[in-house]
Amino acid sequence: MLILISDAFDKTLPEKLKRFGEVTDDKSRVGEADVVLVRAKTKCDREWIDGAYNCKLIIRGGVGIDNIDKEYAESKGIIVTNTPKASGIAVAELTFALMLSSINNICYYHHGMKHKEWYKSTKRNELYGKTIGFIGMGNIARQVAKRCIAFGMNVVAHDIFVVPTEGVKFVPTVEEAVENADIISLHVPATPDTEGMINASLISKMKKAPILINTCRGKVINAEDVKNALDEGRLSWYATDVYPTDDPEKLFSMDYPIFKSAKTTLTPHVGANTNENMLRIGDEVIATIEKLISEGKI
């Protein structure tokens, strides 16, 4: 068995994988590989899949698989899977860090101090007693909600799949999840149904000029509508770790509206990038390969 590591994983993973066969990071050998490990950088489109003619398994290290043409891969007999459990803590902690930073005006104060401005008269706000509205309540969102409850927040959520969660009030529509929220946290996959869902129409239903936190996918917001809402005070802040593309050269050459707003906190899609999480992802990769071998599927 040849395992191709196409993107960055924990440095200890190659040695751990050698029990299954040969391990390489030489992308030119994609046509030989039985198993390919990817993260967000490798785009497994039809052309790539056609070139991976010996592939039996693609494992996406992380939660989303929107960089993989799953339907086409499966039509070629390739198993496509991810590591959904591994990243929950890492992404939840970044989400909470963005939340704390936003409500406490950290970026505003930091910018002022760097420019010798003393913004002490600008008051902060507290998370205690605030209402957070979740759009999507999967593993990561539940990890965030647990931390919100510990801070004394009221938690409201909408998800098409309702899994009873202690301390979380589920509501039947997205509009009900956001209408009275002080903070909104996005946790949905990138699909045709979710693309651009945070738009002017939905923002008009928000009564409190909330903080918007996005650690799921950049395309779930209509960037122009969000930027306009920030300018007009209908959103108070936008903190995000995700963008329309993960290619920095493409992203920074775009006329991306969010970059034009001062009311933002921006991080370079580092939600899953903790040392601890990379180890967890590696462990889940190994467990997946072991399971599929035992089942005779690879």
C-alpha atoms as a PDB file:
ATOM      1  CA  MET A   1       0.000   0.000   0.000  1.00  0.00           C
ATOM      2  CA  LEU A   2       1.235   3.506  -0.878  1.00  0.00           C
ATOM      3  CA  ILE A   3      -0.013   6.395   1.262  1.00  0.00           C
ATOM      4  CA  LEU A   4       0.407   9.904  -0.159  1.00  0.00           C
ATOM      5  CA  ILE A   5       0.391  12.790   2.340  1.00  0.00           C
ATOM      6  CA  SER A   6      -0.628  15.643   0.041  1.00  0.00           C
ATOM      7  CA  ASP A   7      -0.934  18.453   2.600  1.00  0.00           C
ATOM      8  CA  ALA A   8       0.506  19.410   5.992  1.00  0.00           C
ATOM      9  CA  PHE A   9      -0.169  16.972   8.836  1.00  0.00           C
ATOM     10  CA  ASP A  10       1.621  16.408  12.136  1.00  0.00           C
ATOM     11  CA  LYS A  11       5.302  15.665  11.567  1.00  0.00           C
ATOM     12  CA  THR A  12       5.045  12.393  13.513  1.00  0.00           C
ATOM     13  CA  LEU A  13       2.320  10.969  11.256  1.00  0.00           C
ATOM     14  CA  PRO A  14       4.499   9.579   8.411  1.00  0.00           C
ATOM     15  CA  GLU A  15       6.410   7.312  10.781  1.00  0.00           C
ATOM     16  CA  LYS A  16       3.171   6.084  12.372  1.00  0.00           C
ATOM     17  CA  LEU A  17       1.726   5.258   8.949  1.00  0.00           C
ATOM     18  CA  LYS A  18       4.646   3.092   7.860  1.00  0.00           C
ATOM     19  CA  ARG A  19       3.056   0.041   9.468  1.00  0.00           C
ATOM     20  CA  PHE A  20       0.531   0.118   6.606  1.00  0.00           C
ATOM     21  CA  GLY A  21       3.074   0.386   3.791  1.00  0.00           C
ATOM     22  CA  GLU A  22       5.118   3.015   1.972  1.00  0.00           C
ATOM     23  CA  VAL A  23       4.526   6.678   2.843  1.00  0.00           C
ATOM     24  CA  THR A  24       5.383   9.609   0.573  1.00  0.00           C
ATOM     25  CA  ASP A  25       4.729  13.331   0.243  1.00  0.00           C
ATOM     26  CA  ASP A  26       5.698  13.343  -3.462  1.00  0.00           C
ATOM     27  CA  LYS A  27       2.542  14.618  -5.175  1.00  0.00           C
ATOM     28  CA  SER A  28       3.781  13.409  -8.554  1.00  0.00           C
ATOM     29  CA  ARG A  29       3.055   9.879  -7.302  1.00  0.00           C
ATOM     30  CA  VAL A  30      -0.675  10.501  -6.889  1.00  0.00           C
ATOM     31  CA  GLY A  31      -1.376   7.995  -9.664  1.00  0.00           C
ATOM     32  CA  GLU A  32       0.290   5.217  -7.650  1.00  0.00           C
ATOM     33  CA  ALA A  33      -1.260   5.992  -4.268  1.00  0.00           C
ATOM     34  CA  ASP A  34      -3.804   3.686  -2.656  1.00  0.00           C
ATOM     35  CA  VAL A  35      -4.602   6.209   0.083  1.00  0.00           C
ATOM     36  CA  VAL A  36      -4.335  10.005  -0.155  1.00  0.00           C
ATOM     37  CA  LEU A  37      -4.419  12.326   2.857  1.00  0.00           C
ATOM     38  CA  VAL A  38      -5.472  15.910   2.183  1.00  0.00           C
ATOM     39  CA  ARG A  39      -6.477  18.975   4.112  1.00  0.00           C
ATOM     40  CA  ALA A  40      -7.952  22.175   2.640  1.00  0.00           C
ATOM     41  CA  LYS A  41      -5.151  22.990   0.193  1.00  0.00           C
ATOM     42  CA  THR A  42      -5.431  20.040  -2.193  1.00  0.00           C
ATOM     43  CA  LYS A  43      -8.428  20.402  -4.513  1.00  0.00           C
ATOM     44  CA  CYS A  44      -9.675  16.947  -5.412  1.00  0.00           C
ATOM     45  CA  ASP A  45     -11.658  17.894  -8.505  1.00  0.00           C
ATOM     46  CA  ARG A  46     -12.479  15.614 -11.446  1.00  0.00           C
ATOM     47  CA  GLU A  47      -9.130  16.144 -13.125  1.00  0.00           C
ATOM     48  CA  TRP A  48      -7.259  15.323  -9.913  1.00  0.00           C
ATOM     49  CA  ILE A  49      -9.432  12.254  -9.270  1.00  0.00           C
ATOM     50  CA  ASP A  50      -8.895  10.989 -12.823  1.00  0.00           C
ATOM     51  CA  GLY A  51      -5.153  11.225 -12.192  1.00  0.00           C
ATOM     52  CA  ALA A  52      -5.456   9.266  -8.941  1.00  0.00           C
ATOM     53  CA  TYR A  53      -6.370   6.125 -10.874  1.00  0.00           C
ATOM     54  CA  ASN A  54      -5.138   3.687  -8.192  1.00  0.00           C
ATOM     55  CA  CYS A  55      -6.754   5.508  -5.261  1.00  0.00           C
ATOM     56  CA  LYS A  56      -9.107   3.611  -2.980  1.00  0.00           C
ATOM     57  CA  LEU A  57      -9.415   6.106  -0.111  1.00  0.00           C
ATOM     58  CA  ILE A  58      -9.236   9.883   0.339  1.00  0.00           C
ATOM     59  CA  ILE A  59      -9.117  11.118   3.927  1.00  0.00           C
ATOM     60  CA  ARG A  60      -9.694  14.815   4.517  1.00  0.00           C
ATOM     61  CA  GLY A  61      -7.974  15.855   7.747  1.00  0.00           C
ATOM     62  CA  GLY A  62     -10.603  18.149   9.219  1.00  0.00           C
ATOM     63  CA  VAL A  63     -14.355  18.636   9.108  1.00  0.00           C
ATOM     64  CA  GLY A  64     -15.497  19.859   5.687  1.00  0.00           C
ATOM     65  CA  ILE A  65     -15.005  17.972   2.439  1.00  0.00           C
ATOM     66  CA  ASP A  66     -16.033  20.756   0.047  1.00  0.00           C
ATOM     67  CA  ASN A  67     -12.575  20.656  -1.601  1.00  0.00           C
ATOM     68  CA  ILE A  68     -13.346  17.093  -2.760  1.00  0.00           C
ATOM     69  CA  ASP A  69     -15.772  16.143  -5.544  1.00  0.00           C
ATOM     70  CA  LYS A  70     -17.188  13.389  -3.347  1.00  0.00           C
ATOM     71  CA  GLU A  71     -19.857  12.224  -5.764  1.00  0.00           C
ATOM     72  CA  TYR A  72     -17.379  11.836  -8.632  1.00  0.00           C
ATOM     73  CA  ALA A  73     -14.789  10.144  -6.424  1.00  0.00           C
ATOM     74  CA  GLU A  74     -17.336   7.633  -5.175  1.00  0.00           C
ATOM     75  CA  SER A  75     -18.448   6.951  -8.754  1.00  0.00           C
ATOM     76  CA  LYS A  76     -14.849   5.826  -9.322  1.00  0.00           C
ATOM     77  CA  GLY A  77     -15.020   3.484  -6.344  1.00  0.00           C
ATOM     78  CA  ILE A  78     -13.035   5.773  -4.033  1.00  0.00           C
ATOM     79  CA  ILE A  79     -14.061   6.007  -0.382  1.00  0.00           C
ATOM     80  CA  VAL A  80     -14.146   9.625   0.845  1.00  0.00           C
ATOM     81  CA  THR A  81     -14.080  10.387   4.549  1.00  0.00           C
ATOM     82  CA  ASN A  82     -12.868  13.011   7.012  1.00  0.00           C
ATOM     83  CA  THR A  83     -11.909  13.379  10.684  1.00  0.00           C
ATOM     84  CA  PRO A  84     -14.990  15.111  12.121  1.00  0.00           C
ATOM     85  CA  LYS A  85     -14.314  14.462  15.800  1.00  0.00           C
ATOM     86  CA  ALA A  86     -10.718  15.656  15.913  1.00  0.00           C
ATOM     87  CA  SER A  87     -11.134  19.397  15.315  1.00  0.00           C
ATOM     88  CA  GLY A  88     -13.989  20.206  17.693  1.00  0.00           C
ATOM     89  CA  ILE A  89     -11.941  21.577  20.577  1.00  0.00           C
ATOM     90  CA  ALA A  90      -9.499  23.542  18.425  1.00  0.00           C
ATOM     91  CA  VAL A  91     -12.132  25.295  16.305  1.00  0.00           C
ATOM     92  CA  ALA A  92     -14.386  25.868  19.321  1.00  0.00           C
ATOM     93  CA  GLU A  93     -11.575  27.574  21.227  1.00  0.00           C
ATOM     94  CA  LEU A  94     -10.783  29.848  18.270  1.00  0.00           C
ATOM     95  CA  THR A  95     -14.480  30.666  17.907  1.00  0.00           C
ATOM     96  CA  PHE A  96     -14.622  31.599  21.574  1.00  0.00           C
ATOM     97  CA  ALA A  97     -11.404  33.612  21.305  1.00  0.00           C
ATOM     98  CA  LEU A  98     -12.894  35.612  18.419  1.00  0.00           C
ATOM     99  CA  MET A  99     -16.052  36.120  20.464  1.00  0.00           C
ATOM    100  CA  LEU A 100     -14.153  37.384  23.512  1.00  0.00           C
ATOM    101  CA  SER A 101     -11.921  39.593  21.396  1.00  0.00           C
ATOM    102  CA  SER A 102     -14.882  41.122  19.563  1.00  0.00           C
ATOM    103  CA  ILE A 103     -17.092  41.904  22.555  1.00  0.00           C
ATOM    104  CA  ASN A 104     -14.109  43.292  24.492  1.00  0.00           C
ATOM    105  CA  ASN A 105     -12.924  45.575  21.648  1.00  0.00           C
ATOM    106  CA  ILE A 106      -9.451  44.006  21.793  1.00  0.00           C
ATOM    107  CA  CYS A 107      -8.518  44.831  18.186  1.00  0.00           C
ATOM    108  CA  TYR A 108      -9.744  48.424  18.599  1.00  0.00           C
ATOM    109  CA  TYR A 109      -7.759  48.951  21.807  1.00  0.00           C
ATOM    110  CA  HIS A 110      -4.678  47.240  20.364  1.00  0.00           C
ATOM    111  CA  HIS A 111      -4.730  49.417  17.250  1.00  0.00           C
ATOM    112  CA  GLY A 112      -5.087  52.512  19.416  1.00  0.00           C
ATOM    113  CA  MET A 113      -2.174  51.636  21.689  1.00  0.00           C
ATOM    114  CA  LYS A 114       0.067  50.905  18.689  1.00  0.00           C
ATOM    115  CA  HIS A 115      -0.767  54.395  17.420  1.00  0.00           C
ATOM    116  CA  LYS A 116      -0.406  56.062  20.849  1.00  0.00           C
ATOM    117  CA  GLU A 117      -4.181  56.508  21.266  1.00  0.00           C
ATOM    118  CA  TRP A 118      -5.678  55.979  24.758  1.00  0.00           C
ATOM    119  CA  TYR A 119      -9.204  54.648  24.114  1.00  0.00           C
ATOM    120  CA  LYS A 120     -10.122  54.109  27.769  1.00  0.00           C
ATOM    121  CA  SER A 121     -13.402  56.021  27.424  1.00  0.00           C
ATOM    122  CA  THR A 122     -14.724  53.350  25.041  1.00  0.00           C
ATOM    123  CA  LYS A 123     -16.556  50.810  27.165  1.00  0.00           C
ATOM    124  CA  ARG A 124     -16.305  47.036  26.740  1.00  0.00           C
ATOM    125  CA  ASN A 125     -19.212  44.606  26.981  1.00  0.00           C
ATOM    126  CA  GLU A 126     -19.562  41.296  28.809  1.00  0.00           C
ATOM    127  CA  LEU A 127     -20.613  37.876  27.552  1.00  0.00           C
ATOM    128  CA  TYR A 128     -22.513  37.198  30.784  1.00  0.00           C
ATOM    129  CA  GLY A 129     -26.262  37.390  30.190  1.00  0.00           C
ATOM    130  CA  LYS A 130     -25.921  37.860  26.440  1.00  0.00           C
ATOM    131  CA  THR A 131     -27.829  35.743  23.925  1.00  0.00           C
ATOM    132  CA  ILE A 132     -25.917  33.815  21.293  1.00  0.00           C
ATOM    133  CA  GLY A 133     -27.691  32.435  18.241  1.00  0.00           C
ATOM    134  CA  PHE A 134     -26.142  29.424  16.552  1.00  0.00           C
ATOM    135  CA  ILE A 135     -26.829  28.580  12.932  1.00  0.00           C
ATOM    136  CA  GLY A 136     -25.886  24.916  12.869  1.00  0.00           C
ATOM    137  CA  MET A 137     -25.409  22.796  15.994  1.00  0.00           C
ATOM    138  CA  GLY A 138     -22.919  20.071  15.126  1.00  0.00           C
ATOM    139  CA  ASN A 139     -19.923  18.888  17.122  1.00  0.00           C
ATOM    140  CA  ILE A 140     -17.994  22.173  16.962  1.00  0.00           C
ATOM    141  CA  ALA A 141     -21.045  24.291  17.782  1.00  0.00           C
ATOM    142  CA  ARG A 142     -21.846  22.091  20.778  1.00  0.00           C
ATOM    143  CA  GLN A 143     -18.300  22.601  22.052  1.00  0.00           C
ATOM    144  CA  VAL A 144     -18.750  26.377  21.686  1.00  0.00           C
ATOM    145  CA  ALA A 145     -22.176  26.244  23.347  1.00  0.00           C
ATOM    146  CA  LYS A 146     -20.718  24.421  26.349  1.00  0.00           C
ATOM    147  CA  ARG A 147     -18.278  27.306  26.858  1.00  0.00           C
ATOM    148  CA  CYS A 148     -21.022  29.898  26.365  1.00  0.00           C
ATOM    149  CA  ILE A 149     -23.157  28.261  29.046  1.00  0.00           C
ATOM    150  CA  ALA A 150     -20.167  28.301  31.418  1.00  0.00           C
ATOM    151  CA  PHE A 151     -19.965  32.082  30.844  1.00  0.00           C
ATOM    152  CA  GLY A 152     -23.629  32.529  31.778  1.00  0.00           C
ATOM    153  CA  MET A 153     -24.931  33.129  28.262  1.00  0.00           C
ATOM    154  CA  ASN A 154     -28.345  32.263  26.823  1.00  0.00           C
ATOM    155  CA  VAL A 155     -27.981  29.817  23.932  1.00  0.00           C
ATOM    156  CA  VAL A 156     -30.438  29.593  21.034  1.00  0.00           C
ATOM    157  CA  ALA A 157     -29.849  27.420  17.969  1.00  0.00           C
ATOM    158  CA  HIS A 158     -31.292  26.353  14.653  1.00  0.00           C
ATOM    159  CA  ASP A 159     -30.276  23.154  12.904  1.00  0.00           C
ATOM    160  CA  ILE A 160     -32.102  20.933  10.433  1.00  0.00           C
ATOM    161  CA  PHE A 161     -31.096  18.007  12.653  1.00  0.00           C
ATOM    162  CA  VAL A 162     -32.060  18.584  16.289  1.00  0.00           C
ATOM    163  CA  VAL A 163     -29.883  16.727  18.781  1.00  0.00           C
ATOM    164  CA  PRO A 164     -31.076  17.622  22.308  1.00  0.00           C
ATOM    165  CA  THR A 165     -28.246  19.522  23.971  1.00  0.00           C
ATOM    166  CA  GLU A 166     -28.255  20.630  27.595  1.00  0.00           C
ATOM    167  CA  GLY A 167     -28.699  24.374  27.963  1.00  0.00           C
ATOM    168  CA  VAL A 168     -29.548  24.941  24.279  1.00  0.00           C
ATOM    169  CA  LYS A 169     -32.974  26.147  23.124  1.00  0.00           C
ATOM    170  CA  PHE A 170     -33.670  24.960  19.582  1.00  0.00           C
ATOM    171  CA  VAL A 171     -35.884  27.086  17.341  1.00  0.00           C
ATOM    172  CA  PRO A 172     -37.509  26.041  14.049  1.00  0.00           C
ATOM    173  CA  THR A 173     -36.127  28.790  11.789  1.00  0.00           C
ATOM    174  CA  VAL A 174     -32.877  30.619  11.143  1.00  0.00           C
ATOM    175  CA  GLU A 175     -34.725  33.899  11.597  1.00  0.00           C
ATOM    176  CA  GLU A 176     -35.741  32.972  15.146  1.00  0.00           C
ATOM    177  CA  ALA A 177     -32.152  32.033  15.971  1.00  0.00           C
ATOM    178  CA  VAL A 178     -30.837  35.467  15.019  1.00  0.00           C
ATOM    179  CA  GLU A 179     -33.622  37.950  15.711  1.00  0.00           C
ATOM    180  CA  ASN A 180     -32.753  38.622  19.379  1.00  0.00           C
ATOM    181  CA  ALA A 181     -29.118  37.526  19.361  1.00  0.00           C
ATOM    182  CA  ASP A 182     -26.297  39.699  20.665  1.00  0.00           C
ATOM    183  CA  ILE A 183     -23.833  37.342  18.983  1.00  0.00           C
ATOM    184  CA  ILE A 184     -24.343  34.974  16.039  1.00  0.00           C
ATOM    185  CA  SER A 185     -22.044  32.009  15.433  1.00  0.00           C
ATOM    186  CA  LEU A 186     -22.050  30.155  12.106  1.00  0.00           C
ATOM    187  CA  HIS A 187     -21.520  26.380  11.970  1.00  0.00           C
ATOM    188  CA  VAL A 188     -22.909  25.069   8.682  1.00  0.00           C
ATOM    189  CA  PRO A 189     -21.278  23.240   5.762  1.00  0.00           C
ATOM    190  CA  ALA A 190     -20.791  24.867   2.367  1.00  0.00           C
ATOM    191  CA  THR A 191     -23.715  23.716   0.217  1.00  0.00           C
ATOM    192  CA  PRO A 192     -25.916  25.346  -2.440  1.00  0.00           C
ATOM    193  CA  ASP A 193     -28.493  25.915   0.320  1.00  0.00           C
ATOM    194  CA  THR A 194     -26.091  27.683   2.693  1.00  0.00           C
ATOM    195  CA  GLU A 195     -24.100  29.749   0.183  1.00  0.00           C
ATOM    196  CA  GLY A 196     -24.784  33.440   0.802  1.00  0.00           C
ATOM    197  CA  MET A 197     -27.347  32.683   3.528  1.00  0.00           C
ATOM    198  CA  ILE A 198     -26.112  35.588   5.673  1.00  0.00           C
ATOM    199  CA  ASN A 199     -27.468  38.302   3.425  1.00  0.00           C
ATOM    200  CA  ALA A 200     -29.266  41.639   3.625  1.00  0.00           C
ATOM    201  CA  SER A 201     -32.647  39.952   4.043  1.00  0.00           C
ATOM    202  CA  LEU A 202     -31.571  37.884   7.059  1.00  0.00           C
ATOM    203  CA  ILE A 203     -29.572  40.753   8.565  1.00  0.00           C
ATOM    204  CA  SER A 204     -32.727  42.897   8.445  1.00  0.00           C
ATOM    205  CA  LYS A 205     -34.332  40.419  10.884  1.00  0.00           C
ATOM    206  CA  MET A 206     -31.588  41.008  13.490  1.00  0.00           C
ATOM    207  CA  LYS A 207     -32.764  43.467  16.133  1.00  0.00           C
ATOM    208  CA  LYS A 208     -29.578  44.100  18.133  1.00  0.00           C
ATOM    209  CA  ALA A 209     -26.755  44.850  15.650  1.00  0.00           C
ATOM    210  CA  PRO A 210     -25.032  41.630  16.724  1.00  0.00           C
ATOM    211  CA  ILE A 211     -21.451  40.450  16.502  1.00  0.00           C
ATOM    212  CA  LEU A 212     -21.125  37.859  13.718  1.00  0.00           C
ATOM    213  CA  ILE A 213     -18.599  35.031  14.134  1.00  0.00           C
ATOM    214  CA  ASN A 214     -17.751  32.759  11.196  1.00  0.00           C
ATOM    215  CA  THR A 215     -15.494  29.736  11.620  1.00  0.00           C
ATOM    216  CA  CYS A 216     -17.302  27.444   9.171  1.00  0.00           C
ATOM    217  CA  ARG A 217     -17.053  28.518   5.508  1.00  0.00           C
ATOM    218  CA  GLY A 218     -16.450  31.897   3.892  1.00  0.00           C
ATOM    219  CA  LYS A 219     -19.071  31.428   1.196  1.00  0.00           C
ATOM    220  CA  VAL A 220     -21.980  31.212   3.648  1.00  0.00           C
ATOM    221  CA  ILE A 221     -21.965  35.013   3.882  1.00  0.00           C
ATOM    222  CA  ASN A 222     -22.807  37.523   1.187  1.00  0.00           C
ATOM    223  CA  ALA A 223     -19.660  39.587   1.738  1.00  0.00           C
ATOM    224  CA  GLU A 224     -21.045  42.780   0.191  1.00  0.00           C
ATOM    225  CA  ASP A 225     -24.175  42.637   2.354  1.00  0.00           C
ATOM    226  CA  VAL A 226     -22.135  41.979   5.506  1.00  0.00           C
ATOM    227  CA  LYS A 227     -19.763  44.851   4.725  1.00  0.00           C
ATOM    228  CA  ASN A 228     -22.697  47.219   4.136  1.00  0.00           C
ATOM    229  CA  ALA A 229     -24.312  46.106   7.405  1.00  0.00           C
ATOM    230  CA  LEU A 230     -21.066  46.842   9.272  1.00  0.00           C
ATOM    231  CA  ASP A 231     -20.850  50.284   7.664  1.00  0.00           C
ATOM    232  CA  GLU A 232     -24.467  51.058   8.538  1.00  0.00           C
ATOM    233  CA  GLY A 233     -24.298  49.743  12.122  1.00  0.00           C
ATOM    234  CA  ARG A 234     -26.688  46.830  11.545  1.00  0.00           C
ATOM    235  CA  LEU A 235     -23.837  44.487  12.494  1.00  0.00           C
ATOM    236  CA  SER A 236     -21.434  45.692  15.168  1.00  0.00           C
ATOM    237  CA  TRP A 237     -18.474  43.429  14.291  1.00  0.00           C
ATOM    238  CA  TYR A 238     -17.479  40.552  12.013  1.00  0.00           C
ATOM    239  CA  ALA A 239     -14.844  38.056  13.135  1.00  0.00           C
ATOM    240  CA  THR A 240     -13.866  35.336  10.696  1.00  0.00           C
ATOM    241  CA  ASP A 241     -11.353  32.577  10.083  1.00  0.00           C
ATOM    242  CA  VAL A 242     -12.746  31.629   6.658  1.00  0.00           C
ATOM    243  CA  TYR A 243     -12.856  33.172   3.179  1.00  0.00           C
ATOM    244  CA  PRO A 244     -14.037  32.429  -0.379  1.00  0.00           C
ATOM    245  CA  THR A 245     -10.699  30.729  -1.088  1.00  0.00           C
ATOM    246  CA  ASP A 246      -7.803  29.349   0.946  1.00  0.00           C
ATOM    247  CA  ASP A 247      -5.309  30.393  -1.727  1.00  0.00           C
ATOM    248  CA  PRO A 248      -3.743  33.566  -0.253  1.00  0.00           C
ATOM    249  CA  GLU A 249      -2.526  34.812  -3.637  1.00  0.00           C
ATOM    250  CA  LYS A 250      -6.042  34.600  -5.064  1.00  0.00           C
ATOM    251  CA  LEU A 251      -7.652  35.978  -1.908  1.00  0.00           C
ATOM    252  CA  PHE A 252      -5.422  39.024  -1.619  1.00  0.00           C
ATOM    253  CA  SER A 253      -5.831  39.832  -5.313  1.00  0.00           C
ATOM    254  CA  MET A 254      -9.632  39.821  -4.942  1.00  0.00           C
ATOM    255  CA  ASP A 255     -11.681  42.937  -4.355  1.00  0.00           C
ATOM    256  CA  TYR A 256     -13.051  41.308  -1.206  1.00  0.00           C
ATOM    257  CA  PRO A 257     -15.525  43.634   0.567  1.00  0.00           C
ATOM    258  CA  ILE A 258     -14.690  42.394   4.075  1.00  0.00           C
ATOM    259  CA  PHE A 259     -11.120  43.700   3.759  1.00  0.00           C
ATOM    260  CA  LYS A 260     -12.544  47.220   3.381  1.00  0.00           C
ATOM    261  CA  SER A 261     -14.222  47.277   6.798  1.00  0.00           C
ATOM    262  CA  ALA A 262     -12.447  48.354   9.984  1.00  0.00           C
ATOM    263  CA  LYS A 263     -14.981  46.470  12.121  1.00  0.00           C
ATOM    264  CA  THR A 264     -13.412  43.070  11.599  1.00  0.00           C
ATOM    265  CA  THR A 265     -11.117  40.518  13.200  1.00  0.00           C
ATOM    266  CA  LEU A 266      -9.460  38.286  10.605  1.00  0.00           C
ATOM    267  CA  THR A 267      -7.421  35.101  11.021  1.00  0.00           C
ATOM    268  CA  PRO A 268      -5.940  32.960   8.183  1.00  0.00           C
ATOM    269  CA  HIS A 269      -8.066  29.783   8.495  1.00  0.00           C
ATOM    270  CA  VAL A 270      -6.170  28.490  11.524  1.00  0.00           C
ATOM    271  CA  GLY A 271      -9.162  27.001  13.354  1.00  0.00           C
ATOM    272  CA  ALA A 272      -7.872  23.433  13.231  1.00  0.00           C
ATOM    273  CA  ASN A 273      -4.201  24.374  13.391  1.00  0.00           C
ATOM    274  CA  THR A 274      -3.214  23.584  16.946  1.00  0.00           C
ATOM    275  CA  ASN A 275      -0.391  21.236  17.809  1.00  0.00           C
ATOM    276  CA  GLU A 276      -2.779  19.149  19.876  1.00  0.00           C
ATOM    277  CA  ASN A 277      -5.380  18.943  17.123  1.00  0.00           C
ATOM    278  CA  MET A 278      -2.892  17.850  14.489  1.00  0.00           C
ATOM    279  CA  LEU A 279      -2.070  14.886  16.722  1.00  0.00           C
ATOM    280  CA  ARG A 280      -5.790  14.108  17.113  1.00  0.00           C
ATOM    281  CA  ILE A 281      -6.294  14.293  13.343  1.00  0.00           C
ATOM    282  CA  GLY A 282      -3.407  11.871  12.848  1.00  0.00           C
ATOM    283  CA  ASP A 283      -4.887   9.459  15.377  1.00  0.00           C
ATOM    284  CA  GLU A 284      -8.255   9.560  13.612  1.00  0.00           C
ATOM    285  CA  VAL A 285      -6.586   8.999  10.218  1.00  0.00           C
ATOM    286  CA  ILE A 286      -4.846   5.892  11.576  1.00  0.00           C
ATOM    287  CA  ALA A 287      -8.060   4.589  13.152  1.00  0.00           C
ATOM    288  CA  THR A 288      -9.903   5.065   9.847  1.00  0.00           C
ATOM    289  CA  ILE A 289      -7.284   3.177   7.839  1.00  0.00           C
ATOM    290  CA  GLU A 290      -7.210   0.362  10.404  1.00  0.00           C
ATOM    291  CA  LYS A 291     -11.008   0.038  10.326  1.00  0.00           C
ATOM    292  CA  LEU A 292     -11.242  -0.044   6.534  1.00  0.00           C
ATOM    293  CA  ILE A 293      -8.433  -2.597   6.265  1.00  0.00           C
ATOM    294  CA  SER A 294     -10.164  -4.825   8.839  1.00  0.00           C
ATOM    295  CA  GLU A 295     -13.373  -4.579   6.802  1.00  0.00           C
ATOM    296  CA  GLY A 296     -11.526  -5.488   3.609  1.00  0.00           C
ATOM    297  CA  LYS A 297     -12.450  -2.216   1.914  1.00  0.00           C
ATOM    298  CA  ILE A 298      -8.885  -1.109   1.107  1.00  0.00           C
END
